[in-house]
Amino acid sequence: MGVDVFIDDMTALGFEARLEAELVVYRVVPVDGAHAGKPVDTGVAVAELQSWPQVPPHWLHFPAAVEFSATNVGASPRPGWTGHSRQISGWGDAPAGVAWASHVRAVLSEAVA
């Protein structure tokens, strides 16, 4: 469980996850929103991955240039990045990595800049 499993799950799905500045960072290409069709670096704090895949992380971390019209923000361990509070309400039947990637794409679809 935990960070290594998350990295393995994301890498298996083609996201090339890597550990950087207390975050697991990977690229997602959103289909909607201000960044549609363009790769966006995103991350999850290592501290939130201790119970992966049983418990999904709550905070998503993006470069500060990724903006939302409505969001709760917090500090990110990576300089120039911001944490955004987003809740995922259960996995459903999909594997955890697939559900997480879908969640991140959905959040990025709300980006306005």
C-alpha atoms as a PDB file:
ATOM      1  CA  MET A   1       0.000   0.000   0.000  1.00  0.00           C
ATOM      2  CA  GLY A   2       0.948   3.628  -0.176  1.00  0.00           C
ATOM      3  CA  VAL A   3       3.258   5.730  -2.281  1.00  0.00           C
ATOM      4  CA  ASP A   4       4.936   2.908  -4.188  1.00  0.00           C
ATOM      5  CA  VAL A   5       1.591   1.370  -5.149  1.00  0.00           C
ATOM      6  CA  PHE A   6       0.261   4.765  -6.296  1.00  0.00           C
ATOM      7  CA  ILE A   7       3.380   5.313  -8.422  1.00  0.00           C
ATOM      8  CA  ASP A   8       3.030   1.818  -9.871  1.00  0.00           C
ATOM      9  CA  ASP A   9      -0.694   2.337 -10.568  1.00  0.00           C
ATOM     10  CA  MET A  10      -0.167   5.680 -12.318  1.00  0.00           C
ATOM     11  CA  THR A  11       2.848   4.432 -14.272  1.00  0.00           C
ATOM     12  CA  ALA A  12       0.951   1.335 -15.430  1.00  0.00           C
ATOM     13  CA  LEU A  13      -1.693   3.682 -16.847  1.00  0.00           C
ATOM     14  CA  GLY A  14       0.973   5.620 -18.776  1.00  0.00           C
ATOM     15  CA  PHE A  15       1.274   8.659 -16.472  1.00  0.00           C
ATOM     16  CA  GLU A  16       5.002   8.213 -15.692  1.00  0.00           C
ATOM     17  CA  ALA A  17       4.649   9.090 -12.010  1.00  0.00           C
ATOM     18  CA  ARG A  18       7.734  10.245 -10.122  1.00  0.00           C
ATOM     19  CA  LEU A  19       8.557  11.507  -6.642  1.00  0.00           C
ATOM     20  CA  GLU A  20       9.420  15.243  -6.471  1.00  0.00           C
ATOM     21  CA  ALA A  21       9.413  17.645  -3.488  1.00  0.00           C
ATOM     22  CA  GLU A  22       7.166  15.505  -1.252  1.00  0.00           C
ATOM     23  CA  LEU A  23       4.720  15.022  -4.137  1.00  0.00           C
ATOM     24  CA  VAL A  24       4.108  12.212  -6.552  1.00  0.00           C
ATOM     25  CA  VAL A  25       3.971  14.132  -9.828  1.00  0.00           C
ATOM     26  CA  TYR A  26       2.459  12.877 -13.091  1.00  0.00           C
ATOM     27  CA  ARG A  27       0.990  14.424 -16.257  1.00  0.00           C
ATOM     28  CA  VAL A  28      -2.661  14.337 -17.185  1.00  0.00           C
ATOM     29  CA  VAL A  29      -4.215  15.536 -20.433  1.00  0.00           C
ATOM     30  CA  PRO A  30      -7.669  16.957 -19.653  1.00  0.00           C
ATOM     31  CA  VAL A  31     -10.408  16.748 -22.284  1.00  0.00           C
ATOM     32  CA  ASP A  32     -12.245  19.925 -21.193  1.00  0.00           C
ATOM     33  CA  GLY A  33     -11.434  23.226 -19.519  1.00  0.00           C
ATOM     34  CA  ALA A  34      -8.739  25.808 -20.081  1.00  0.00           C
ATOM     35  CA  HIS A  35      -6.034  23.149 -20.529  1.00  0.00           C
ATOM     36  CA  ALA A  36      -7.969  20.749 -22.771  1.00  0.00           C
ATOM     37  CA  GLY A  37      -5.681  18.636 -24.912  1.00  0.00           C
ATOM     38  CA  LYS A  38      -2.501  19.880 -23.218  1.00  0.00           C
ATOM     39  CA  PRO A  39      -0.473  17.905 -20.661  1.00  0.00           C
ATOM     40  CA  VAL A  40      -0.746  19.320 -17.143  1.00  0.00           C
ATOM     41  CA  ASP A  41       1.605  18.351 -14.346  1.00  0.00           C
ATOM     42  CA  THR A  42      -0.356  17.388 -11.262  1.00  0.00           C
ATOM     43  CA  GLY A  43       0.588  15.866  -7.959  1.00  0.00           C
ATOM     44  CA  VAL A  44      -0.474  14.225  -4.741  1.00  0.00           C
ATOM     45  CA  ALA A  45       1.296  14.737  -1.435  1.00  0.00           C
ATOM     46  CA  VAL A  46       3.213  11.716  -0.200  1.00  0.00           C
ATOM     47  CA  ALA A  47       1.563  12.141   3.220  1.00  0.00           C
ATOM     48  CA  GLU A  48      -1.867  11.540   1.664  1.00  0.00           C
ATOM     49  CA  LEU A  49      -0.896   8.283  -0.007  1.00  0.00           C
ATOM     50  CA  GLN A  50      -0.255   6.171   3.074  1.00  0.00           C
ATOM     51  CA  SER A  51      -3.599   4.343   2.712  1.00  0.00           C
ATOM     52  CA  TRP A  52      -3.713   4.153  -1.090  1.00  0.00           C
ATOM     53  CA  PRO A  53      -5.685   2.524  -2.697  1.00  0.00           C
ATOM     54  CA  GLN A  54      -8.187   2.059   0.133  1.00  0.00           C
ATOM     55  CA  VAL A  55      -8.449   5.812   0.817  1.00  0.00           C
ATOM     56  CA  PRO A  56      -8.208   8.378  -1.992  1.00  0.00           C
ATOM     57  CA  PRO A  57      -6.182  11.563  -1.447  1.00  0.00           C
ATOM     58  CA  HIS A  58      -8.122  14.762  -0.830  1.00  0.00           C
ATOM     59  CA  TRP A  59      -5.744  17.462  -2.135  1.00  0.00           C
ATOM     60  CA  LEU A  60      -4.677  17.868  -5.755  1.00  0.00           C
ATOM     61  CA  HIS A  61      -1.544  19.896  -6.460  1.00  0.00           C
ATOM     62  CA  PHE A  62      -1.064  21.893  -9.667  1.00  0.00           C
ATOM     63  CA  PRO A  63       1.304  24.597 -10.883  1.00  0.00           C
ATOM     64  CA  ALA A  64      -0.010  27.963  -9.661  1.00  0.00           C
ATOM     65  CA  ALA A  65      -0.879  28.915 -13.264  1.00  0.00           C
ATOM     66  CA  VAL A  66      -3.755  26.390 -13.144  1.00  0.00           C
ATOM     67  CA  GLU A  67      -6.681  28.389 -11.786  1.00  0.00           C
ATOM     68  CA  PHE A  68     -10.296  27.632 -10.884  1.00  0.00           C
ATOM     69  CA  SER A  69     -13.218  30.004 -10.459  1.00  0.00           C
ATOM     70  CA  ALA A  70     -14.109  28.365  -7.138  1.00  0.00           C
ATOM     71  CA  THR A  71     -11.692  26.344  -5.026  1.00  0.00           C
ATOM     72  CA  ASN A  72     -10.301  25.896  -1.550  1.00  0.00           C
ATOM     73  CA  VAL A  73      -6.560  26.372  -1.764  1.00  0.00           C
ATOM     74  CA  GLY A  74      -3.751  25.263   0.467  1.00  0.00           C
ATOM     75  CA  ALA A  75      -0.002  25.213   0.480  1.00  0.00           C
ATOM     76  CA  SER A  76       1.911  22.783  -1.676  1.00  0.00           C
ATOM     77  CA  PRO A  77       5.310  21.372  -0.748  1.00  0.00           C
ATOM     78  CA  ARG A  78       6.489  22.213  -4.263  1.00  0.00           C
ATOM     79  CA  PRO A  79       7.430  25.875  -4.840  1.00  0.00           C
ATOM     80  CA  GLY A  80       5.213  27.579  -7.409  1.00  0.00           C
ATOM     81  CA  TRP A  81       2.407  25.081  -6.920  1.00  0.00           C
ATOM     82  CA  THR A  82      -0.929  25.253  -5.100  1.00  0.00           C
ATOM     83  CA  GLY A  83      -2.985  22.563  -3.391  1.00  0.00           C
ATOM     84  CA  HIS A  84      -6.695  22.380  -4.228  1.00  0.00           C
ATOM     85  CA  SER A  85      -9.221  20.680  -1.976  1.00  0.00           C
ATOM     86  CA  ARG A  86     -11.270  18.140  -3.932  1.00  0.00           C
ATOM     87  CA  GLN A  87     -13.192  15.180  -2.584  1.00  0.00           C
ATOM     88  CA  ILE A  88     -13.724  11.982  -4.538  1.00  0.00           C
ATOM     89  CA  SER A  89     -16.782  10.141  -3.313  1.00  0.00           C
ATOM     90  CA  GLY A  90     -15.844   6.486  -3.682  1.00  0.00           C
ATOM     91  CA  TRP A  91     -14.181   4.363  -6.309  1.00  0.00           C
ATOM     92  CA  GLY A  92     -17.114   2.474  -7.754  1.00  0.00           C
ATOM     93  CA  ASP A  93     -16.124  -0.645  -9.688  1.00  0.00           C
ATOM     94  CA  ALA A  94     -13.143   0.833 -11.557  1.00  0.00           C
ATOM     95  CA  PRO A  95      -9.593   0.071 -10.431  1.00  0.00           C
ATOM     96  CA  ALA A  96      -8.331   2.799  -8.088  1.00  0.00           C
ATOM     97  CA  GLY A  97      -5.799   4.220 -10.563  1.00  0.00           C
ATOM     98  CA  VAL A  98      -8.408   4.539 -13.302  1.00  0.00           C
ATOM     99  CA  ALA A  99     -10.866   6.184 -10.903  1.00  0.00           C
ATOM    100  CA  TRP A 100      -8.178   8.595  -9.707  1.00  0.00           C
ATOM    101  CA  ALA A 101      -7.141   9.576 -13.258  1.00  0.00           C
ATOM    102  CA  SER A 102     -10.802  10.218 -14.106  1.00  0.00           C
ATOM    103  CA  HIS A 103     -11.184  12.340 -10.969  1.00  0.00           C
ATOM    104  CA  VAL A 104      -8.130  14.458 -11.829  1.00  0.00           C
ATOM    105  CA  ARG A 105      -9.348  14.969 -15.411  1.00  0.00           C
ATOM    106  CA  ALA A 106     -12.770  16.005 -14.103  1.00  0.00           C
ATOM    107  CA  VAL A 107     -11.189  18.533 -11.729  1.00  0.00           C
ATOM    108  CA  LEU A 108      -9.016  19.924 -14.526  1.00  0.00           C
ATOM    109  CA  SER A 109     -12.120  20.324 -16.700  1.00  0.00           C
ATOM    110  CA  GLU A 110     -13.147  23.066 -14.242  1.00  0.00           C
ATOM    111  CA  ALA A 111      -9.938  25.063 -14.794  1.00  0.00           C
ATOM    112  CA  VAL A 112     -10.448  28.588 -16.117  1.00  0.00           C
ATOM    113  CA  ALA A 113      -6.772  29.433 -16.660  1.00  0.00           C
END
